[in-house]
Amino acid sequence: MSDLVIDVTAIAPWDRHHHIFDSYGRLPVGQALRLDVDHDPLPLRRQFEALHGTAFDWTYLASGPDQWQVRIEKRREKDHCCGGCGG
């Protein structure tokens, strides 16, 4: 399945993060969003880290100066497992 692409510039500034987090929340584990943005979305990354810890992968596909593309893949959250059991 291909990534869900969101052109962030087409969304009103006050609604962007809500739209992105809502879309991310509906993704199954292993799927990803690709954001097309007109600035470095570092504050959004900090918000993802605060809300989702290590349950996502953040990859810059393009990094400015006029356009950024970020791929955010949803991963399974670890339940304090050391990984030793393979589960």
PDB file of N, CA and C in Angstrom:
ATOM      1  N   MET A   1       0.849  -1.181   0.000  1.00  0.00           N
ATOM      2  CA  MET A   1       0.000   0.000   0.000  1.00  0.00           C
ATOM      3  C   MET A   1       0.895   1.245   0.000  1.00  0.00           C
ATOM      4  N   SER A   2       0.513   2.262  -0.720  1.00  0.00           N
ATOM      5  CA  SER A   2       1.323   3.468  -0.811  1.00  0.00           C
ATOM      6  C   SER A   2       1.013   4.407   0.351  1.00  0.00           C
ATOM      7  N   ASP A   3       1.920   5.341   0.571  1.00  0.00           N
ATOM      8  CA  ASP A   3       1.777   6.310   1.654  1.00  0.00           C
ATOM      9  C   ASP A   3       0.591   7.235   1.414  1.00  0.00           C
ATOM     10  N   LEU A   4      -0.037   7.667   2.490  1.00  0.00           N
ATOM     11  CA  LEU A   4      -1.069   8.693   2.430  1.00  0.00           C
ATOM     12  C   LEU A   4      -0.346  10.036   2.324  1.00  0.00           C
ATOM     13  N   VAL A   5      -0.585  10.791   1.258  1.00  0.00           N
ATOM     14  CA  VAL A   5       0.098  12.059   1.026  1.00  0.00           C
ATOM     15  C   VAL A   5      -0.795  13.203   1.488  1.00  0.00           C
ATOM     16  N   ILE A   6      -0.203  14.097   2.293  1.00  0.00           N
ATOM     17  CA  ILE A   6      -0.922  15.282   2.767  1.00  0.00           C
ATOM     18  C   ILE A   6      -0.140  16.515   2.342  1.00  0.00           C
ATOM     19  N   ASP A   7      -0.773  17.369   1.541  1.00  0.00           N
ATOM     20  CA  ASP A   7      -0.194  18.657   1.173  1.00  0.00           C
ATOM     21  C   ASP A   7      -0.564  19.625   2.290  1.00  0.00           C
ATOM     22  N   VAL A   8       0.344  19.817   3.206  1.00  0.00           N
ATOM     23  CA  VAL A   8       0.084  20.620   4.402  1.00  0.00           C
ATOM     24  C   VAL A   8      -0.209  22.073   4.033  1.00  0.00           C
ATOM     25  N   THR A   9       0.363  22.553   2.948  1.00  0.00           N
ATOM     26  CA  THR A   9       0.148  23.953   2.558  1.00  0.00           C
ATOM     27  C   THR A   9      -1.297  24.226   2.153  1.00  0.00           C
ATOM     28  N   ALA A  10      -2.055  23.183   1.837  1.00  0.00           N
ATOM     29  CA  ALA A  10      -3.452  23.349   1.432  1.00  0.00           C
ATOM     30  C   ALA A  10      -4.409  23.356   2.628  1.00  0.00           C
ATOM     31  N   ILE A  11      -3.866  23.201   3.837  1.00  0.00           N
ATOM     32  CA  ILE A  11      -4.679  23.155   5.056  1.00  0.00           C
ATOM     33  C   ILE A  11      -4.477  24.453   5.828  1.00  0.00           C
ATOM     34  N   ALA A  12      -5.543  24.989   6.384  1.00  0.00           N
ATOM     35  CA  ALA A  12      -5.444  26.214   7.197  1.00  0.00           C
ATOM     36  C   ALA A  12      -4.444  25.987   8.332  1.00  0.00           C
ATOM     37  N   PRO A  13      -3.567  26.963   8.596  1.00  0.00           N
ATOM     38  CA  PRO A  13      -2.520  26.788   9.616  1.00  0.00           C
ATOM     39  C   PRO A  13      -3.039  26.313  10.969  1.00  0.00           C
ATOM     40  N   TRP A  14      -4.180  26.807  11.403  1.00  0.00           N
ATOM     41  CA  TRP A  14      -4.700  26.440  12.722  1.00  0.00           C
ATOM     42  C   TRP A  14      -5.255  25.018  12.767  1.00  0.00           C
ATOM     43  N   ASP A  15      -5.387  24.369  11.612  1.00  0.00           N
ATOM     44  CA  ASP A  15      -5.973  23.034  11.557  1.00  0.00           C
ATOM     45  C   ASP A  15      -4.966  21.962  11.138  1.00  0.00           C
ATOM     46  N   ARG A  16      -3.743  22.365  10.837  1.00  0.00           N
ATOM     47  CA  ARG A  16      -2.763  21.434  10.270  1.00  0.00           C
ATOM     48  C   ARG A  16      -2.414  20.277  11.202  1.00  0.00           C
ATOM     49  N   HIS A  17      -1.988  20.592  12.420  1.00  0.00           N
ATOM     50  CA  HIS A  17      -1.551  19.516  13.319  1.00  0.00           C
ATOM     51  C   HIS A  17      -2.699  18.577  13.649  1.00  0.00           C
ATOM     52  N   HIS A  18      -3.887  19.120  13.846  1.00  0.00           N
ATOM     53  CA  HIS A  18      -5.052  18.267  14.125  1.00  0.00           C
ATOM     54  C   HIS A  18      -5.284  17.308  12.956  1.00  0.00           C
ATOM     55  N   HIS A  19      -5.248  17.804  11.744  1.00  0.00           N
ATOM     56  CA  HIS A  19      -5.464  16.983  10.556  1.00  0.00           C
ATOM     57  C   HIS A  19      -4.393  15.891  10.444  1.00  0.00           C
ATOM     58  N   ILE A  20      -3.154  16.256  10.684  1.00  0.00           N
ATOM     59  CA  ILE A  20      -2.048  15.303  10.572  1.00  0.00           C
ATOM     60  C   ILE A  20      -2.175  14.210  11.636  1.00  0.00           C
ATOM     61  N   PHE A  21      -2.417  14.598  12.889  1.00  0.00           N
ATOM     62  CA  PHE A  21      -2.534  13.602  13.953  1.00  0.00           C
ATOM     63  C   PHE A  21      -3.770  12.725  13.781  1.00  0.00           C
ATOM     64  N   ASP A  22      -4.846  13.288  13.290  1.00  0.00           N
ATOM     65  CA  ASP A  22      -6.044  12.494  13.017  1.00  0.00           C
ATOM     66  C   ASP A  22      -5.753  11.465  11.924  1.00  0.00           C
ATOM     67  N   SER A  23      -5.099  11.879  10.864  1.00  0.00           N
ATOM     68  CA  SER A  23      -4.750  10.965   9.771  1.00  0.00           C
ATOM     69  C   SER A  23      -3.791   9.889  10.251  1.00  0.00           C
ATOM     70  N   TYR A  24      -2.804  10.267  11.043  1.00  0.00           N
ATOM     71  CA  TYR A  24      -1.839   9.310  11.576  1.00  0.00           C
ATOM     72  C   TYR A  24      -2.544   8.292  12.481  1.00  0.00           C
ATOM     73  N   GLY A  25      -3.470   8.755  13.296  1.00  0.00           N
ATOM     74  CA  GLY A  25      -4.184   7.876  14.209  1.00  0.00           C
ATOM     75  C   GLY A  25      -4.984   6.795  13.502  1.00  0.00           C
ATOM     76  N   ARG A  26      -5.429   7.067  12.291  1.00  0.00           N
ATOM     77  CA  ARG A  26      -6.215   6.101  11.526  1.00  0.00           C
ATOM     78  C   ARG A  26      -5.348   5.122  10.729  1.00  0.00           C
ATOM     79  N   LEU A  27      -4.045   5.354  10.688  1.00  0.00           N
ATOM     80  CA  LEU A  27      -3.158   4.450   9.944  1.00  0.00           C
ATOM     81  C   LEU A  27      -2.980   3.127  10.676  1.00  0.00           C
ATOM     82  N   PRO A  28      -2.954   2.026   9.930  1.00  0.00           N
ATOM     83  CA  PRO A  28      -2.555   0.765  10.562  1.00  0.00           C
ATOM     84  C   PRO A  28      -1.036   0.754  10.765  1.00  0.00           C
ATOM     85  N   VAL A  29      -0.582  -0.041  11.708  1.00  0.00           N
ATOM     86  CA  VAL A  29       0.851  -0.190  11.951  1.00  0.00           C
ATOM     87  C   VAL A  29       1.523  -0.634  10.658  1.00  0.00           C
ATOM     88  N   GLY A  30       2.646  -0.014  10.341  1.00  0.00           N
ATOM     89  CA  GLY A  30       3.396  -0.339   9.132  1.00  0.00           C
ATOM     90  C   GLY A  30       3.111   0.584   7.962  1.00  0.00           C
ATOM     91  N   GLN A  31       2.046   1.394   8.060  1.00  0.00           N
ATOM     92  CA  GLN A  31       1.724   2.346   7.004  1.00  0.00           C
ATOM     93  C   GLN A  31       2.324   3.712   7.355  1.00  0.00           C
ATOM     94  N   ALA A  32       2.307   4.640   6.392  1.00  0.00           N
ATOM     95  CA  ALA A  32       2.966   5.922   6.597  1.00  0.00           C
ATOM     96  C   ALA A  32       2.208   7.069   5.951  1.00  0.00           C
ATOM     97  N   LEU A  33       2.475   8.254   6.507  1.00  0.00           N
ATOM     98  CA  LEU A  33       2.047   9.521   5.915  1.00  0.00           C
ATOM     99  C   LEU A  33       3.245  10.117   5.211  1.00  0.00           C
ATOM    100  N   ARG A  34       3.005  10.831   4.117  1.00  0.00           N
ATOM    101  CA  ARG A  34       4.042  11.677   3.539  1.00  0.00           C
ATOM    102  C   ARG A  34       3.496  13.083   3.554  1.00  0.00           C
ATOM    103  N   LEU A  35       4.214  13.966   4.213  1.00  0.00           N
ATOM    104  CA  LEU A  35       3.805  15.364   4.318  1.00  0.00           C
ATOM    105  C   LEU A  35       4.602  16.204   3.332  1.00  0.00           C
ATOM    106  N   ASP A  36       3.906  17.029   2.570  1.00  0.00           N
ATOM    107  CA  ASP A  36       4.534  18.029   1.714  1.00  0.00           C
ATOM    108  C   ASP A  36       4.342  19.360   2.417  1.00  0.00           C
ATOM    109  N   VAL A  37       5.461  19.984   2.795  1.00  0.00           N
ATOM    110  CA  VAL A  37       5.438  21.156   3.667  1.00  0.00           C
ATOM    111  C   VAL A  37       6.315  22.258   3.086  1.00  0.00           C
ATOM    112  N   ASP A  38       6.012  23.510   3.431  1.00  0.00           N
ATOM    113  CA  ASP A  38       6.806  24.640   2.934  1.00  0.00           C
ATOM    114  C   ASP A  38       7.825  25.145   3.961  1.00  0.00           C
ATOM    115  N   HIS A  39       8.012  24.402   5.043  1.00  0.00           N
ATOM    116  CA  HIS A  39       8.996  24.751   6.078  1.00  0.00           C
ATOM    117  C   HIS A  39       9.410  23.470   6.796  1.00  0.00           C
ATOM    118  N   ASP A  40      10.488  23.534   7.550  1.00  0.00           N
ATOM    119  CA  ASP A  40      10.931  22.376   8.319  1.00  0.00           C
ATOM    120  C   ASP A  40       9.931  22.129   9.450  1.00  0.00           C
ATOM    121  N   PRO A  41       9.265  20.975   9.475  1.00  0.00           N
ATOM    122  CA  PRO A  41       8.230  20.720  10.470  1.00  0.00           C
ATOM    123  C   PRO A  41       8.783  20.197  11.802  1.00  0.00           C
ATOM    124  N   LEU A  42       9.875  20.759  12.262  1.00  0.00           N
ATOM    125  CA  LEU A  42      10.505  20.317  13.502  1.00  0.00           C
ATOM    126  C   LEU A  42       9.571  20.409  14.717  1.00  0.00           C
ATOM    127  N   PRO A  43       8.758  21.483  14.879  1.00  0.00           N
ATOM    128  CA  PRO A  43       7.825  21.494  16.009  1.00  0.00           C
ATOM    129  C   PRO A  43       6.833  20.322  15.966  1.00  0.00           C
ATOM    130  N   LEU A  44       6.417  19.920  14.778  1.00  0.00           N
ATOM    131  CA  LEU A  44       5.536  18.774  14.636  1.00  0.00           C
ATOM    132  C   LEU A  44       6.245  17.505  15.086  1.00  0.00           C
ATOM    133  N   ARG A  45       7.510  17.377  14.745  1.00  0.00           N
ATOM    134  CA  ARG A  45       8.276  16.196  15.172  1.00  0.00           C
ATOM    135  C   ARG A  45       8.352  16.128  16.685  1.00  0.00           C
ATOM    136  N   ARG A  46       8.595  17.252  17.319  1.00  0.00           N
ATOM    137  CA  ARG A  46       8.651  17.288  18.793  1.00  0.00           C
ATOM    138  C   ARG A  46       7.310  16.860  19.393  1.00  0.00           C
ATOM    139  N   GLN A  47       6.228  17.261  18.757  1.00  0.00           N
ATOM    140  CA  GLN A  47       4.901  16.873  19.213  1.00  0.00           C
ATOM    141  C   GLN A  47       4.696  15.359  19.042  1.00  0.00           C
ATOM    142  N   PHE A  48       5.138  14.816  17.936  1.00  0.00           N
ATOM    143  CA  PHE A  48       5.065  13.367  17.729  1.00  0.00           C
ATOM    144  C   PHE A  48       5.864  12.633  18.795  1.00  0.00           C
ATOM    145  N   GLU A  49       7.065  13.117  19.091  1.00  0.00           N
ATOM    146  CA  GLU A  49       7.898  12.476  20.107  1.00  0.00           C
ATOM    147  C   GLU A  49       7.208  12.497  21.472  1.00  0.00           C
ATOM    148  N   ALA A  50       6.572  13.616  21.813  1.00  0.00           N
ATOM    149  CA  ALA A  50       5.895  13.732  23.102  1.00  0.00           C
ATOM    150  C   ALA A  50       4.683  12.802  23.191  1.00  0.00           C
ATOM    151  N   LEU A  51       3.958  12.665  22.080  1.00  0.00           N
ATOM    152  CA  LEU A  51       2.724  11.866  22.100  1.00  0.00           C
ATOM    153  C   LEU A  51       2.932  10.385  21.787  1.00  0.00           C
ATOM    154  N   HIS A  52       3.927  10.074  20.954  1.00  0.00           N
ATOM    155  CA  HIS A  52       4.070   8.703  20.476  1.00  0.00           C
ATOM    156  C   HIS A  52       5.411   8.058  20.800  1.00  0.00           C
ATOM    157  N   GLY A  53       6.284   8.762  21.489  1.00  0.00           N
ATOM    158  CA  GLY A  53       7.567   8.175  21.870  1.00  0.00           C
ATOM    159  C   GLY A  53       8.341   7.654  20.685  1.00  0.00           C
ATOM    160  N   THR A  54       8.611   6.354  20.700  1.00  0.00           N
ATOM    161  CA  THR A  54       9.391   5.723  19.624  1.00  0.00           C
ATOM    162  C   THR A  54       8.514   4.896  18.690  1.00  0.00           C
ATOM    163  N   ALA A  55       7.212   5.133  18.709  1.00  0.00           N
ATOM    164  CA  ALA A  55       6.288   4.328  17.902  1.00  0.00           C
ATOM    165  C   ALA A  55       6.127   4.865  16.481  1.00  0.00           C
ATOM    166  N   PHE A  56       7.104   5.645  16.010  1.00  0.00           N
ATOM    167  CA  PHE A  56       7.048   6.150  14.642  1.00  0.00           C
ATOM    168  C   PHE A  56       8.468   6.331  14.121  1.00  0.00           C
ATOM    169  N   ASP A  57       8.605   6.292  12.805  1.00  0.00           N
ATOM    170  CA  ASP A  57       9.876   6.619  12.138  1.00  0.00           C
ATOM    171  C   ASP A  57       9.657   7.907  11.360  1.00  0.00           C
ATOM    172  N   TRP A  58      10.573   8.833  11.493  1.00  0.00           N
ATOM    173  CA  TRP A  58      10.505  10.144  10.842  1.00  0.00           C
ATOM    174  C   TRP A  58      11.667  10.220   9.866  1.00  0.00           C
ATOM    175  N   THR A  59      11.365  10.359   8.574  1.00  0.00           N
ATOM    176  CA  THR A  59      12.402  10.407   7.550  1.00  0.00           C
ATOM    177  C   THR A  59      12.186  11.617   6.656  1.00  0.00           C
ATOM    178  N   TYR A  60      13.231  12.444   6.533  1.00  0.00           N
ATOM    179  CA  TYR A  60      13.170  13.558   5.582  1.00  0.00           C
ATOM    180  C   TYR A  60      13.445  13.011   4.185  1.00  0.00           C
ATOM    181  N   LEU A  61      12.530  13.230   3.267  1.00  0.00           N
ATOM    182  CA  LEU A  61      12.726  12.849   1.868  1.00  0.00           C
ATOM    183  C   LEU A  61      13.266  14.021   1.059  1.00  0.00           C
ATOM    184  N   ALA A  62      12.945  15.233   1.495  1.00  0.00           N
ATOM    185  CA  ALA A  62      13.464  16.469   0.904  1.00  0.00           C
ATOM    186  C   ALA A  62      13.556  17.489   2.044  1.00  0.00           C
ATOM    187  N   SER A  63      14.592  18.315   2.006  1.00  0.00           N
ATOM    188  CA  SER A  63      14.783  19.260   3.106  1.00  0.00           C
ATOM    189  C   SER A  63      15.172  20.648   2.626  1.00  0.00           C
ATOM    190  N   GLY A  64      14.179  21.350   2.069  1.00  0.00           N
ATOM    191  CA  GLY A  64      14.287  22.760   1.750  1.00  0.00           C
ATOM    192  C   GLY A  64      15.166  23.086   0.565  1.00  0.00           C
ATOM    193  N   PRO A  65      15.354  24.350   0.328  1.00  0.00           N
ATOM    194  CA  PRO A  65      14.916  25.464   1.173  1.00  0.00           C
ATOM    195  C   PRO A  65      13.454  25.873   0.976  1.00  0.00           C
ATOM    196  N   ASP A  66      12.813  25.490  -0.121  1.00  0.00           N
ATOM    197  CA  ASP A  66      11.433  25.926  -0.363  1.00  0.00           C
ATOM    198  C   ASP A  66      10.403  24.831  -0.093  1.00  0.00           C
ATOM    199  N   GLN A  67      10.832  23.578  -0.111  1.00  0.00           N
ATOM    200  CA  GLN A  67       9.901  22.479   0.096  1.00  0.00           C
ATOM    201  C   GLN A  67      10.556  21.380   0.920  1.00  0.00           C
ATOM    202  N   TRP A  68       9.790  20.850   1.853  1.00  0.00           N
ATOM    203  CA  TRP A  68      10.214  19.718   2.649  1.00  0.00           C
ATOM    204  C   TRP A  68       9.216  18.589   2.419  1.00  0.00           C
ATOM    205  N   GLN A  69       9.724  17.376   2.439  1.00  0.00           N
ATOM    206  CA  GLN A  69       8.871  16.195   2.424  1.00  0.00           C
ATOM    207  C   GLN A  69       9.323  15.308   3.570  1.00  0.00           C
ATOM    208  N   VAL A  70       8.351  14.874   4.355  1.00  0.00           N
ATOM    209  CA  VAL A  70       8.648  14.043   5.510  1.00  0.00           C
ATOM    210  C   VAL A  70       7.768  12.806   5.438  1.00  0.00           C
ATOM    211  N   ARG A  71       8.369  11.666   5.691  1.00  0.00           N
ATOM    212  CA  ARG A  71       7.623  10.409   5.750  1.00  0.00           C
ATOM    213  C   ARG A  71       7.562   9.987   7.217  1.00  0.00           C
ATOM    214  N   ILE A  72       6.346   9.741   7.707  1.00  0.00           N
ATOM    215  CA  ILE A  72       6.140   9.348   9.099  1.00  0.00           C
ATOM    216  C   ILE A  72       5.477   7.971   9.088  1.00  0.00           C
ATOM    217  N   GLU A  73       6.236   6.960   9.481  1.00  0.00           N
ATOM    218  CA  GLU A  73       5.714   5.592   9.480  1.00  0.00           C
ATOM    219  C   GLU A  73       5.276   5.203  10.888  1.00  0.00           C
ATOM    220  N   LYS A  74       4.111   4.611  10.965  1.00  0.00           N
ATOM    221  CA  LYS A  74       3.569   4.168  12.254  1.00  0.00           C
ATOM    222  C   LYS A  74       4.149   2.802  12.596  1.00  0.00           C
ATOM    223  N   ARG A  75       4.764   2.732  13.777  1.00  0.00           N
ATOM    224  CA  ARG A  75       5.328   1.470  14.257  1.00  0.00           C
ATOM    225  C   ARG A  75       4.563   1.013  15.490  1.00  0.00           C
ATOM    226  N   ARG A  76       4.725  -0.232  15.810  1.00  0.00           N
ATOM    227  CA  ARG A  76       4.104  -0.788  17.004  1.00  0.00           C
ATOM    228  C   ARG A  76       4.820  -0.227  18.240  1.00  0.00           C
ATOM    229  N   GLU A  77       4.035   0.157  19.226  1.00  0.00           N
ATOM    230  CA  GLU A  77       4.624   0.621  20.477  1.00  0.00           C
ATOM    231  C   GLU A  77       5.128  -0.568  21.258  1.00  0.00           C
ATOM    232  N   LYS A  78       6.277  -0.412  21.852  1.00  0.00           N
ATOM    233  CA  LYS A  78       6.822  -1.468  22.684  1.00  0.00           C
ATOM    234  C   LYS A  78       6.175  -1.394  24.050  1.00  0.00           C
ATOM    235  N   ASP A  79       5.820  -2.549  24.570  1.00  0.00           N
ATOM    236  CA  ASP A  79       5.181  -2.625  25.875  1.00  0.00           C
ATOM    237  C   ASP A  79       6.211  -3.005  26.939  1.00  0.00           C
ATOM    238  N   HIS A  80       7.290  -2.263  27.001  1.00  0.00           N
ATOM    239  CA  HIS A  80       8.352  -2.500  27.972  1.00  0.00           C
ATOM    240  C   HIS A  80       8.943  -3.890  27.837  1.00  0.00           C
ATOM    241  N   CYS A  81       8.996  -4.378  26.633  1.00  0.00           N
ATOM    242  CA  CYS A  81       9.520  -5.701  26.352  1.00  0.00           C
ATOM    243  C   CYS A  81      10.993  -5.588  25.961  1.00  0.00           C
ATOM    244  N   CYS A  82      11.784  -6.494  26.446  1.00  0.00           N
ATOM    245  CA  CYS A  82      13.210  -6.465  26.101  1.00  0.00           C
ATOM    246  C   CYS A  82      13.478  -7.054  24.726  1.00  0.00           C
ATOM    247  N   GLY A  83      12.495  -7.747  24.167  1.00  0.00           N
ATOM    248  CA  GLY A  83      12.658  -8.358  22.859  1.00  0.00           C
ATOM    249  C   GLY A  83      13.217  -9.767  22.910  1.00  0.00           C
ATOM    250  N   GLY A  84      13.545 -10.247  24.084  1.00  0.00           N
ATOM    251  CA  GLY A  84      14.164 -11.555  24.238  1.00  0.00           C
ATOM    252  C   GLY A  84      13.266 -12.733  23.877  1.00  0.00           C
ATOM    253  N   CYS A  85      11.954 -12.545  23.986  1.00  0.00           N
ATOM    254  CA  CYS A  85      11.039 -13.654  23.718  1.00  0.00           C
ATOM    255  C   CYS A  85      10.660 -13.741  22.239  1.00  0.00           C
ATOM    256  N   GLY A  86      10.991 -12.709  21.478  1.00  0.00           N
ATOM    257  CA  GLY A  86      10.647 -12.700  20.066  1.00  0.00           C
ATOM    258  C   GLY A  86       9.215 -12.314  19.789  1.00  0.00           C
ATOM    259  N   GLY A  87       8.484 -11.907  20.816  1.00  0.00           N
ATOM    260  CA  GLY A  87       7.064 -11.582  20.649  1.00  0.00           C
ATOM    261  C   GLY A  87       6.791 -10.156  20.337  1.00  0.00           C
TER     262      GLY A  87
END
